Protein backbone atom coordinates (compact mmCIF):
# COMPACT_ATOMS: atom_id res chain seq x y z
CA MET A 1 269.70 -7.91 44.66
CA ASN A 2 267.18 -10.15 42.96
CA GLN A 3 263.78 -9.57 44.66
CA LYS A 4 261.56 -11.62 42.35
CA ALA A 5 259.45 -14.41 43.61
CA LEU A 6 261.25 -18.01 43.50
CA VAL A 7 259.85 -21.01 41.84
CA ILE A 8 260.96 -24.14 43.68
CA LYS A 9 262.38 -26.81 41.27
CA ARG A 10 264.96 -28.59 43.51
CA ALA A 11 264.98 -28.95 47.35
CA LEU A 12 267.61 -30.32 49.68
CA VAL A 13 266.10 -32.08 52.79
CA SER A 14 268.25 -32.91 55.82
CA VAL A 15 266.44 -32.94 59.25
CA SER A 16 267.28 -34.17 62.81
CA ASP A 17 263.70 -33.23 63.86
CA LYS A 18 261.35 -35.18 61.70
CA THR A 19 258.14 -33.32 62.64
CA GLY A 20 256.06 -32.60 59.78
CA ILE A 21 258.49 -33.47 57.27
CA ILE A 22 256.57 -36.37 55.61
CA ASP A 23 253.55 -34.07 54.89
CA LEU A 24 255.79 -31.30 53.60
CA CYS A 25 257.89 -33.61 51.32
CA LYS A 26 254.75 -35.21 49.91
CA PHE A 27 253.40 -31.72 49.08
CA LEU A 28 256.63 -30.74 47.46
CA HIS A 29 256.75 -33.91 45.40
CA HIS A 30 253.10 -33.36 44.17
CA GLN A 31 254.26 -29.87 43.15
CA GLY A 32 256.95 -31.26 40.93
CA VAL A 33 259.85 -30.38 43.07
CA GLU A 34 262.69 -32.85 43.00
CA LEU A 35 263.88 -33.80 46.52
CA ILE A 36 267.60 -34.49 47.52
CA SER A 37 267.92 -36.10 50.76
CA THR A 38 270.49 -37.53 53.29
CA GLY A 39 271.04 -40.21 55.92
CA GLY A 40 268.08 -40.71 58.38
CA THR A 41 265.83 -38.22 56.36
CA ALA A 42 266.28 -40.27 53.04
CA LYS A 43 265.43 -43.43 55.00
CA THR A 44 262.26 -41.61 56.44
CA LEU A 45 261.25 -40.63 53.01
CA SER A 46 261.94 -44.03 51.50
CA GLU A 47 259.75 -45.68 54.26
CA ASN A 48 256.92 -43.42 53.41
CA GLY A 49 257.13 -43.99 49.63
CA ILE A 50 258.31 -40.47 48.74
CA PRO A 51 260.62 -40.37 45.85
CA HIS A 52 263.98 -38.67 46.30
CA ARG A 53 267.61 -38.42 45.12
CA PRO A 54 270.36 -39.60 47.52
CA ILE A 55 272.90 -36.72 48.39
CA GLU A 56 275.74 -38.77 46.93
CA THR A 57 274.42 -38.39 43.39
CA VAL A 58 275.08 -34.75 43.94
CA THR A 59 278.33 -34.74 45.75
CA GLY A 60 279.77 -37.57 43.74
CA ASN A 61 280.85 -39.20 47.06
CA PRO A 62 279.28 -41.53 49.56
CA GLU A 63 278.26 -40.54 53.09
CA ALA A 64 281.37 -41.53 55.30
CA PHE A 65 282.74 -41.58 58.60
CA GLY A 66 279.53 -42.55 60.51
CA GLY A 67 277.69 -39.73 58.64
CA ARG A 68 280.05 -37.08 59.66
CA MET A 69 280.47 -36.39 56.03
CA LYS A 70 277.29 -35.89 53.93
CA THR A 71 276.50 -32.55 52.52
CA ILE A 72 279.85 -30.72 52.86
CA SER A 73 281.09 -30.56 49.22
CA PHE A 74 282.00 -28.18 46.41
CA GLN A 75 278.78 -29.38 44.54
CA VAL A 76 276.30 -28.57 47.25
CA GLY A 77 278.02 -25.44 48.30
CA SER A 78 278.18 -24.27 44.72
CA ALA A 79 274.47 -25.24 44.04
CA LEU A 80 273.42 -22.90 46.98
CA LEU A 81 275.75 -20.14 46.61
CA TYR A 82 275.98 -19.21 42.92
CA ARG A 83 273.98 -16.15 41.79
CA ARG A 84 271.30 -17.01 39.28
CA ASP A 85 271.27 -13.28 37.78
CA HIS A 86 275.03 -13.18 37.56
CA GLU A 87 276.29 -13.99 33.92
CA VAL A 88 279.79 -15.26 35.12
CA ASP A 89 278.24 -17.24 37.86
CA GLN A 90 275.80 -18.78 35.27
CA GLN A 91 278.53 -19.70 32.95
CA GLU A 92 280.72 -21.22 35.58
CA ALA A 93 277.73 -23.32 37.10
CA LYS A 94 276.95 -24.61 33.47
CA LYS A 95 280.63 -25.47 32.90
CA LEU A 96 280.88 -27.20 36.13
CA LYS A 97 277.49 -29.03 35.77
CA ILE A 98 276.18 -27.44 38.96
CA GLU A 99 272.41 -27.84 39.37
CA ALA A 100 270.72 -25.20 41.47
CA ILE A 101 269.08 -25.98 44.72
CA ASP A 102 266.26 -23.61 45.24
CA LEU A 103 265.12 -24.61 48.86
CA VAL A 104 266.95 -26.07 51.93
CA ILE A 105 265.01 -27.73 54.61
CA CYS A 106 267.26 -28.33 57.55
CA ASN A 107 267.22 -28.42 61.25
CA LEU A 108 270.52 -28.99 63.28
CA TYR A 109 271.69 -31.78 65.34
CA PRO A 110 270.08 -31.66 68.92
CA PHE A 111 273.14 -30.32 70.59
CA GLU A 112 271.08 -28.25 73.18
CA LYS A 113 268.81 -31.28 74.05
CA THR A 114 271.95 -33.55 74.53
CA ALA A 115 273.66 -30.89 76.78
CA LYS A 116 270.45 -30.62 78.97
CA GLU A 117 270.38 -34.36 79.30
CA ASN A 118 274.05 -34.12 80.63
CA ARG A 119 275.20 -36.81 78.08
CA PRO A 120 278.81 -37.80 78.10
CA LEU A 121 281.38 -35.64 76.33
CA PRO A 122 281.83 -37.82 73.45
CA GLU A 123 278.17 -38.14 72.77
CA LEU A 124 278.00 -34.28 73.11
CA ILE A 125 280.72 -33.85 70.48
CA GLU A 126 278.99 -35.99 67.98
CA ASN A 127 275.97 -33.77 68.13
CA ILE A 128 277.94 -30.75 67.00
CA ASP A 129 276.49 -30.27 63.61
CA ILE A 130 278.94 -29.04 60.89
CA GLY A 131 277.31 -29.82 57.45
CA GLY A 132 273.89 -28.52 58.59
CA PRO A 133 275.14 -25.00 59.58
CA THR A 134 277.53 -24.84 56.58
CA MET A 135 274.51 -25.46 54.26
CA VAL A 136 271.89 -23.25 55.88
CA ARG A 137 274.46 -20.47 56.21
CA ALA A 138 275.16 -20.81 52.42
CA ALA A 139 271.45 -20.85 51.57
CA ALA A 140 270.59 -17.95 53.74
CA LYS A 141 273.50 -15.71 52.36
CA ASN A 142 271.99 -16.27 49.00
CA TYR A 143 268.43 -15.69 49.95
CA ALA A 144 267.98 -13.58 46.77
CA HIS A 145 267.89 -16.95 45.04
CA VAL A 146 267.36 -19.64 47.66
CA ALA A 147 264.81 -20.18 50.46
CA CYS A 148 265.98 -21.80 53.60
CA VAL A 149 263.67 -23.27 56.32
CA THR A 150 265.23 -24.30 59.67
CA SER A 151 262.05 -24.89 61.68
CA PRO A 152 259.00 -27.11 61.40
CA ASN A 153 256.91 -24.21 62.40
CA ASP A 154 257.67 -22.58 59.01
CA TYR A 155 256.58 -25.54 56.96
CA ARG A 156 252.96 -24.27 56.74
CA LEU A 157 254.16 -20.76 55.80
CA ILE A 158 256.02 -21.94 52.59
CA GLN A 159 253.45 -24.48 51.84
CA ASN A 160 250.54 -22.03 51.96
CA GLU A 161 252.53 -19.62 49.89
CA ILE A 162 253.37 -22.25 47.08
CA GLU A 163 249.79 -23.40 47.03
CA LYS A 164 248.59 -19.79 46.74
CA THR A 165 251.12 -18.42 44.13
CA GLY A 166 253.37 -21.34 43.06
CA GLU A 167 256.31 -19.32 44.44
CA ILE A 168 258.08 -18.14 47.53
CA SER A 169 258.24 -14.32 47.77
CA PHE A 170 261.39 -12.32 48.46
CA LEU A 171 260.09 -10.91 51.57
CA THR A 172 259.43 -14.47 52.84
CA ARG A 173 263.01 -15.67 51.88
CA GLU A 174 264.48 -12.54 53.57
CA GLN A 175 262.68 -13.25 56.74
CA LEU A 176 263.66 -16.91 56.73
CA ALA A 177 267.33 -15.99 56.10
CA LEU A 178 267.18 -13.69 59.15
CA LYS A 179 265.73 -16.58 61.29
CA THR A 180 268.36 -18.95 59.90
CA PHE A 181 271.14 -16.61 61.01
CA SER A 182 269.55 -16.18 64.42
CA VAL A 183 269.46 -20.11 64.75
CA ILE A 184 273.14 -20.47 63.83
CA ALA A 185 274.16 -17.74 66.28
CA ALA A 186 272.08 -19.49 69.16
CA TYR A 187 273.40 -22.90 68.04
CA ASP A 188 277.04 -21.75 68.03
CA LEU A 189 276.54 -19.99 71.42
CA SER A 190 275.20 -22.91 73.10
CA ILE A 191 278.10 -25.01 71.99
CA ALA A 192 280.62 -22.34 73.18
CA VAL A 193 278.71 -22.07 76.61
CA GLU A 194 278.48 -25.78 77.22
CA LEU A 195 282.00 -26.62 76.11
CA THR A 196 283.32 -23.69 78.26
CA LYS A 197 281.50 -25.07 81.30
CA ARG A 198 282.94 -28.58 80.61
CA LEU A 199 286.32 -27.95 79.33
CA ALA A 200 287.48 -24.35 80.17
CA THR A 201 290.03 -23.96 83.04
CA HIS A 202 291.28 -21.10 85.20
CA ASP A 203 294.32 -19.30 83.89
CA SER A 204 296.32 -17.78 86.40
CA SER A 205 298.43 -15.98 84.05
CA HIS A 206 295.32 -14.10 82.70
CA ALA A 207 296.52 -14.24 79.14
CA SER A 208 293.34 -15.78 78.32
CA MET A 209 291.57 -12.38 78.84
CA SER A 210 292.65 -11.28 75.29
CA THR A 211 293.12 -14.71 73.41
CA SER A 212 290.53 -17.08 74.46
CA SER A 213 286.85 -16.92 73.60
CA GLY A 214 285.83 -19.18 76.36
CA THR A 215 287.42 -18.80 79.93
CA ALA A 216 286.01 -20.01 83.24
CA LEU A 217 285.88 -17.55 86.02
CA ARG A 218 286.59 -18.25 89.72
CA TYR A 219 282.83 -18.14 90.28
CA GLY A 220 279.70 -16.34 89.41
CA GLU A 221 277.53 -13.77 91.30
CA ASN A 222 278.04 -16.08 94.25
CA PRO A 223 280.61 -18.84 95.17
CA HIS A 224 278.20 -21.57 94.41
CA GLN A 225 277.60 -20.45 90.78
CA LYS A 226 279.92 -21.32 87.83
CA ALA A 227 280.54 -18.65 85.41
CA ALA A 228 282.74 -17.88 82.25
CA ILE A 229 283.37 -15.15 80.02
CA LEU A 230 282.82 -15.68 76.22
CA LYS A 231 284.66 -13.19 74.03
CA PHE A 232 281.99 -11.60 71.73
CA ASN A 233 282.48 -8.86 69.16
CA ASN A 234 279.54 -6.64 70.02
CA THR A 235 281.33 -3.42 69.78
CA ASP A 236 283.62 -1.55 67.25
CA THR A 237 285.76 -0.37 70.23
CA GLN A 238 289.23 -1.34 68.93
CA THR A 239 290.29 -2.61 72.25
CA PRO A 240 287.23 -3.47 74.40
CA LEU A 241 287.25 -4.05 78.13
CA ALA A 242 287.14 -7.76 77.80
CA GLN A 243 290.56 -7.62 76.14
CA ALA A 244 292.17 -5.21 78.58
CA THR A 245 295.94 -5.82 79.26
CA PHE A 246 296.08 -7.65 82.67
CA LEU A 247 298.97 -6.23 84.47
CA GLN A 248 298.93 -7.87 87.84
CA GLY A 249 296.51 -9.41 90.45
CA LYS A 250 294.37 -12.45 91.20
CA GLU A 251 291.77 -13.70 89.01
CA LEU A 252 288.90 -11.53 88.01
CA SER A 253 285.43 -12.67 89.08
CA TYR A 254 282.04 -12.38 87.45
CA ASN A 255 281.14 -9.44 89.60
CA ASN A 256 284.54 -7.78 89.06
CA LEU A 257 283.81 -7.66 85.40
CA LEU A 258 280.26 -6.33 85.56
CA ASP A 259 281.53 -3.67 88.05
CA SER A 260 284.52 -2.92 85.64
CA ASP A 261 282.19 -2.59 82.71
CA GLN A 262 280.02 0.14 84.51
CA ALA A 263 283.16 2.01 85.66
CA PHE A 264 284.64 1.83 82.10
CA LYS A 265 281.68 2.98 80.43
CA CYS A 266 280.84 5.71 82.75
CA ALA A 267 284.32 7.06 82.98
CA SER A 268 284.44 6.76 78.84
CA GLU A 269 281.41 9.09 78.59
CA LEU A 270 282.58 11.39 81.14
CA ASN A 271 285.96 11.68 79.40
CA GLN A 272 284.23 12.27 76.32
CA LEU A 273 282.55 15.36 77.98
CA VAL A 274 285.95 16.59 79.09
CA GLU A 275 287.47 16.22 75.57
CA SER A 276 284.43 18.11 74.16
CA ARG A 277 285.35 21.10 76.47
CA LYS A 278 288.91 20.74 75.28
CA SER A 279 289.89 20.12 78.95
CA LYS A 280 292.56 17.71 80.41
CA ASN A 281 290.65 17.26 83.58
CA THR A 282 290.88 13.92 85.40
CA VAL A 283 287.76 11.68 85.61
CA CYS A 284 287.51 9.20 88.36
CA VAL A 285 284.60 6.74 88.65
CA ILE A 286 284.13 4.41 91.68
CA VAL A 287 281.71 1.38 91.30
CA LYS A 288 280.33 -0.91 93.81
CA HIS A 289 277.84 -3.55 93.08
CA GLY A 290 277.01 -2.21 89.68
CA VAL A 291 276.53 1.46 90.98
CA PRO A 292 278.83 4.41 90.59
CA CYS A 293 278.91 5.40 94.34
CA GLY A 294 281.84 8.10 93.85
CA VAL A 295 282.44 10.07 90.73
CA ALA A 296 284.51 13.32 90.36
CA GLU A 297 286.23 15.41 87.71
CA HIS A 298 289.02 17.76 88.56
CA ALA A 299 292.05 19.39 87.11
CA ASP A 300 294.29 17.50 89.60
CA SER A 301 294.22 13.83 89.23
CA LEU A 302 294.92 13.12 92.79
CA LYS A 303 292.20 15.45 93.93
CA ALA A 304 289.80 13.83 91.56
CA LEU A 305 290.51 10.58 93.30
CA GLU A 306 290.16 12.09 96.80
CA ILE A 307 286.77 13.77 96.06
CA ALA A 308 285.37 10.71 94.25
CA TRP A 309 286.38 8.51 97.26
CA ASN A 310 284.99 10.89 99.93
CA ALA A 311 281.61 10.91 98.05
CA ASP A 312 280.92 7.73 99.72
CA SER A 313 284.03 6.28 101.39
CA ILE A 314 282.02 3.32 103.03
CA SER A 315 280.87 1.98 99.62
CA ALA A 316 284.32 2.58 98.07
CA PHE A 317 285.75 -0.18 100.12
CA GLY A 318 286.28 -3.11 97.83
CA SER A 319 285.34 -1.20 94.78
CA ILE A 320 286.41 -0.88 91.21
CA ILE A 321 287.98 2.26 90.00
CA CYS A 322 288.35 3.72 86.50
CA PHE A 323 290.38 6.79 85.42
CA ASN A 324 290.73 8.55 82.06
CA CYS A 325 294.41 9.33 82.76
CA GLU A 326 297.69 7.81 83.51
CA ILE A 327 298.00 6.45 87.12
CA THR A 328 300.92 8.39 88.73
CA ALA A 329 303.02 7.47 91.78
CA PRO A 330 301.03 9.88 94.12
CA MET A 331 297.93 8.23 93.07
CA ALA A 332 299.32 4.87 93.63
CA ALA A 333 300.58 5.68 96.97
CA TRP A 334 297.22 7.04 98.00
CA LEU A 335 295.34 3.78 96.74
CA LYS A 336 298.10 1.56 98.25
CA GLU A 337 296.71 2.45 101.72
CA ARG A 338 292.94 1.42 100.68
CA PHE A 339 291.21 -1.79 99.78
CA VAL A 340 290.48 -1.65 96.11
CA GLU A 341 289.48 -4.68 93.99
CA VAL A 342 290.31 -3.40 90.45
CA ILE A 343 291.85 -0.44 88.92
CA ILE A 344 291.41 0.42 85.18
CA ALA A 345 293.31 3.11 83.45
CA PRO A 346 294.72 3.78 79.94
CA LYS A 347 298.14 3.83 81.29
CA TYR A 348 300.42 3.30 84.42
CA SER A 349 303.60 4.90 85.26
CA ALA A 350 306.58 2.76 86.10
CA GLU A 351 306.66 4.11 89.76
CA ALA A 352 302.99 3.39 90.09
CA LEU A 353 303.52 -0.21 88.95
CA THR A 354 306.41 -0.58 91.41
CA LEU A 355 304.07 0.81 94.23
CA PHE A 356 301.23 -1.59 93.29
CA SER A 357 303.43 -4.60 93.06
CA ALA A 358 303.29 -4.86 96.93
CA LYS A 359 299.65 -5.69 96.61
CA LYS A 360 299.54 -9.00 94.78
CA ASN A 361 296.00 -9.40 94.71
CA LEU A 362 295.05 -6.00 93.45
CA ARG A 363 293.98 -6.39 89.74
CA LEU A 364 295.29 -3.76 87.40
CA LEU A 365 293.84 -3.46 83.94
CA GLU A 366 295.22 -1.36 81.16
CA VAL A 367 292.78 -0.21 78.42
CA PRO A 368 291.89 2.94 76.39
CA LEU A 369 288.76 4.38 77.15
CA LYS A 370 285.80 4.18 74.60
CA LYS A 371 285.43 7.11 71.87
CA SER A 372 282.22 8.74 71.30
CA SER A 373 282.09 7.16 67.81
CA ASP A 374 282.32 3.68 69.21
CA THR A 375 279.02 1.75 69.17
CA GLU A 376 278.07 -1.19 71.27
CA TRP A 377 275.25 -3.90 71.04
CA THR A 378 274.47 -5.12 74.35
CA ILE A 379 273.21 -8.67 74.83
CA ARG A 380 271.39 -9.91 77.96
CA SER A 381 269.93 -13.30 78.60
CA ILE A 382 266.41 -14.25 79.90
CA ASN A 383 264.76 -17.46 80.26
CA GLY A 384 264.94 -19.12 76.89
CA GLY A 385 266.13 -16.13 75.13
CA ILE A 386 268.56 -13.27 74.45
CA LEU A 387 267.46 -9.57 74.51
CA CYS A 388 269.75 -7.18 72.22
CA GLN A 389 269.73 -3.47 72.23
CA ASP A 390 272.02 -0.64 71.37
CA GLU A 391 274.17 0.67 74.18
CA ASP A 392 272.61 3.94 75.79
CA GLN A 393 275.36 6.29 74.67
CA GLY A 394 275.42 10.05 74.95
CA ILE A 395 273.17 12.45 76.61
CA SER A 396 270.64 14.76 75.13
CA ASN A 397 271.60 17.93 73.32
CA GLU A 398 268.29 19.41 74.49
CA MET A 399 268.22 21.33 77.68
CA ARG A 400 264.89 23.10 77.66
CA LEU A 401 264.23 25.46 80.59
CA VAL A 402 260.66 25.13 81.62
CA THR A 403 260.48 27.24 84.75
CA LYS A 404 260.57 30.81 85.42
CA LYS A 405 263.83 30.66 87.45
CA GLU A 406 266.86 30.02 85.40
CA PHE A 407 270.14 27.94 85.99
CA PRO A 408 273.42 29.93 86.52
CA SER A 409 275.93 29.38 83.81
CA GLU A 410 278.36 27.64 86.29
CA LEU A 411 276.11 24.87 86.76
CA SER A 412 275.79 23.92 83.06
CA PRO A 413 278.77 21.49 83.13
CA VAL A 414 277.47 20.12 86.45
CA MET A 415 274.25 19.28 84.64
CA GLN A 416 276.10 17.39 81.81
CA PHE A 417 278.37 15.66 84.40
CA GLY A 418 275.25 14.57 86.41
CA LEU A 419 273.19 13.51 83.19
CA VAL A 420 276.18 10.99 82.28
CA VAL A 421 276.55 9.64 85.85
CA THR A 422 272.76 9.15 86.29
CA LYS A 423 272.60 7.03 83.16
CA PHE A 424 274.68 4.42 85.18
CA LEU A 425 272.80 4.31 88.29
CA LYS A 426 270.02 1.67 88.67
CA SER A 427 266.63 2.74 87.90
CA ASN A 428 264.58 4.19 89.42
CA CYS A 429 267.31 6.74 90.35
CA ILE A 430 267.90 10.19 91.54
CA GLY A 431 271.52 11.63 91.55
CA ILE A 432 272.51 14.94 93.17
CA PHE A 433 275.58 16.60 91.79
CA GLY A 434 277.62 19.68 92.59
CA ILE A 435 280.83 21.61 92.60
CA LYS A 436 283.34 20.74 95.45
CA GLU A 437 286.88 22.07 95.62
CA ASN A 438 286.72 23.47 92.03
CA GLY A 439 285.73 20.16 90.69
CA PHE A 440 282.46 18.11 89.83
CA THR A 441 281.03 15.26 91.97
CA VAL A 442 278.23 13.24 92.89
CA ILE A 443 276.94 14.42 96.32
CA SER A 444 274.40 11.76 96.87
CA SER A 445 272.16 9.36 95.20
CA GLY A 446 269.12 7.12 95.53
CA VAL A 447 269.04 3.95 93.33
CA GLY A 448 267.00 0.94 92.40
CA GLN A 449 263.77 1.81 93.92
CA PRO A 450 260.18 0.94 92.68
CA ASN A 451 259.37 4.48 92.82
CA ARG A 452 261.13 7.80 92.49
CA LEU A 453 259.85 9.53 95.64
CA ASP A 454 261.69 6.91 97.82
CA CYS A 455 264.84 7.58 95.94
CA ILE A 456 264.77 11.24 97.22
CA THR A 457 263.22 10.86 100.82
CA LEU A 458 264.64 7.50 101.92
CA LEU A 459 267.94 7.61 100.10
CA ALA A 460 269.50 10.53 98.46
CA GLY A 461 268.16 13.15 100.81
CA VAL A 462 268.95 11.14 103.97
CA ARG A 463 272.55 10.51 102.68
CA ALA A 464 273.04 14.13 101.89
CA LYS A 465 271.96 15.22 105.29
CA ALA A 466 274.10 12.76 107.00
CA LYS A 467 277.10 14.48 105.50
CA ASN A 468 275.72 17.80 106.25
CA GLU A 469 275.63 18.68 102.57
CA ASN A 470 274.33 22.31 101.54
CA LEU A 471 272.13 21.45 98.43
CA LYS A 472 271.25 25.08 97.64
CA ASP A 473 273.64 25.01 94.57
CA ALA A 474 273.38 21.19 93.80
CA VAL A 475 271.65 19.78 90.71
CA LEU A 476 269.23 16.98 91.24
CA VAL A 477 268.89 14.72 88.07
CA SER A 478 266.24 12.20 87.49
CA ASP A 479 266.66 9.24 84.98
CA ALA A 480 263.08 9.51 84.01
CA PHE A 481 260.18 11.83 84.42
CA PHE A 482 258.40 12.75 87.67
CA PRO A 483 254.84 11.31 87.29
CA PHE A 484 253.60 13.51 90.40
CA LYS A 485 254.53 16.86 92.12
CA ASP A 486 255.32 14.97 95.23
CA SER A 487 258.95 14.25 94.33
CA ILE A 488 259.31 18.10 93.75
CA GLU A 489 257.99 18.79 97.11
CA ALA A 490 260.39 16.23 98.54
CA ALA A 491 263.30 17.77 96.69
CA HIS A 492 262.32 21.31 97.83
CA GLU A 493 262.24 19.89 101.47
CA ILE A 494 265.94 18.93 101.23
CA GLY A 495 266.97 22.24 99.89
CA ILE A 496 267.19 21.34 96.14
CA GLN A 497 266.74 24.39 93.87
CA TYR A 498 267.78 22.88 90.46
CA ILE A 499 266.18 19.98 88.83
CA VAL A 500 267.05 18.20 85.42
CA GLN A 501 264.68 15.48 84.08
CA PRO A 502 263.46 14.12 80.78
CA GLY A 503 259.92 15.36 81.02
CA GLY A 504 257.06 13.67 79.25
CA SER A 505 254.58 12.97 82.05
CA VAL A 506 251.00 13.91 81.66
CA ARG A 507 251.39 15.93 84.70
CA ASP A 508 254.31 17.95 83.54
CA ASN A 509 252.39 21.16 83.91
CA GLU A 510 251.67 20.43 87.47
CA VAL A 511 255.24 19.49 88.14
CA ILE A 512 256.44 22.82 86.48
CA GLN A 513 253.92 24.74 88.31
CA THR A 514 255.05 23.33 91.66
CA CYS A 515 258.78 24.26 90.84
CA ASP A 516 257.60 27.79 90.13
CA GLU A 517 255.78 27.99 93.35
CA PHE A 518 258.94 27.00 95.42
CA GLY A 519 261.30 29.21 93.26
CA MET A 520 263.08 26.28 91.76
CA ALA A 521 264.66 25.90 88.26
CA MET A 522 263.99 22.98 86.05
CA SER A 523 265.04 21.93 82.54
CA PHE A 524 263.76 19.19 80.39
CA THR A 525 266.08 16.94 78.35
CA GLY A 526 263.37 15.01 76.39
CA LYS A 527 265.58 11.74 76.80
CA ARG A 528 265.07 8.94 79.42
CA HIS A 529 267.86 6.81 80.67
CA PHE A 530 266.45 3.75 82.45
CA ARG A 531 269.18 1.24 83.36
CA HIS A 532 267.57 -1.98 84.73
């Protein structure tokens, strides 16, 4: 890739927001840059006495259809896309009389502003920019040879660079291209969201789950909130949850989908643990309000379901359940007598589907679980922006014993089981896990508290005591380090003898010493798993 600095000889200017454009174009003209301009921008340049070349002298066609057609053309696209250091491209450009465009200055039609003003649909549609995104995408793709500026905030950047060196550096072009692709993505997303809000309808057949990129949901987190699901390729999973086969039931709600996502991901990672042990155990994950309230692994599928349900039978009412195995007739018969919102599994037996058919509102989703090699890029909105990060996949391979007391070997798989489940509990969180009826399960948990001590003393410990659980052989897992020894003291008071945590506190030595004083075992994983 060409990384040389770029001398600007020809620039295409087409902006909706005219802020700063006069000063920039005057500067470019004085630098000997030929300006090509369109529509309202050309009129502004003319009114300010700035020489420019009309776009039709490049395209060979007049602007048409009320300005809908201006820049979209073979000539403009070629001028932006051909590679200046590619011999065949150069020969073709010369043969086709294509003149290189080195700089694009373009901001897009104000779709978001028009949407915020709740303008009529025809006006909204007219503010969907077509030529602008096409042009800046082409320029950004070819940033090795073209600079692309999409915001008045960057005018001073390129002006200063040209004043100082007479060129625009490769690094600047690269960063401008990155910004351009982000602008296009945000622009397209705003169009998809607004038109989905206005146009998408409920589809009782649920076929839209796998075919439509914008589908209205019954409502959002609460009945008074509007909501939609937008198909977005943020994972390399072959069949993601959003494209699961919908077998039966009423429409999925916003909350159903969020809870289903938690259950699906937790079950997937537990299944990966099962497969790594070359086991065929069943995994059952029960989620309520975004939190795994019942989780179990057992050789018998029905037993796994029963253990998971009994871990918190009150919260399991109206829950979402995900399995790593085929749903059999005995499992369906057991579930048929209980209220469940959604069931997710890779497969259902014909007998199970027949039994479930009597519960018309029960949603059944069929989808294979995620593989360990599947990556995912998570997206979450904040006021005025989008946060992106890798999904927190996998658990630490490190398990460093830091106390005098050791863990018995039979608790090793419990520790791994607990580490996975704890990742899906809301921070701050504490999970207590153990062996029950020859299977692994969550015994109790404390989640979503501002401090870790309350998770133990007010939640996990109280819940375990209410069920008369003997915690002597249970494993307590924390999603982050213990900042003080008080959590260790609280764990000791409820009977915990085994603890797993990331470590990393400035008071680690004090925490370790407290464990040793109480004869407790503790291992560090070196990996935090917050889930906000």
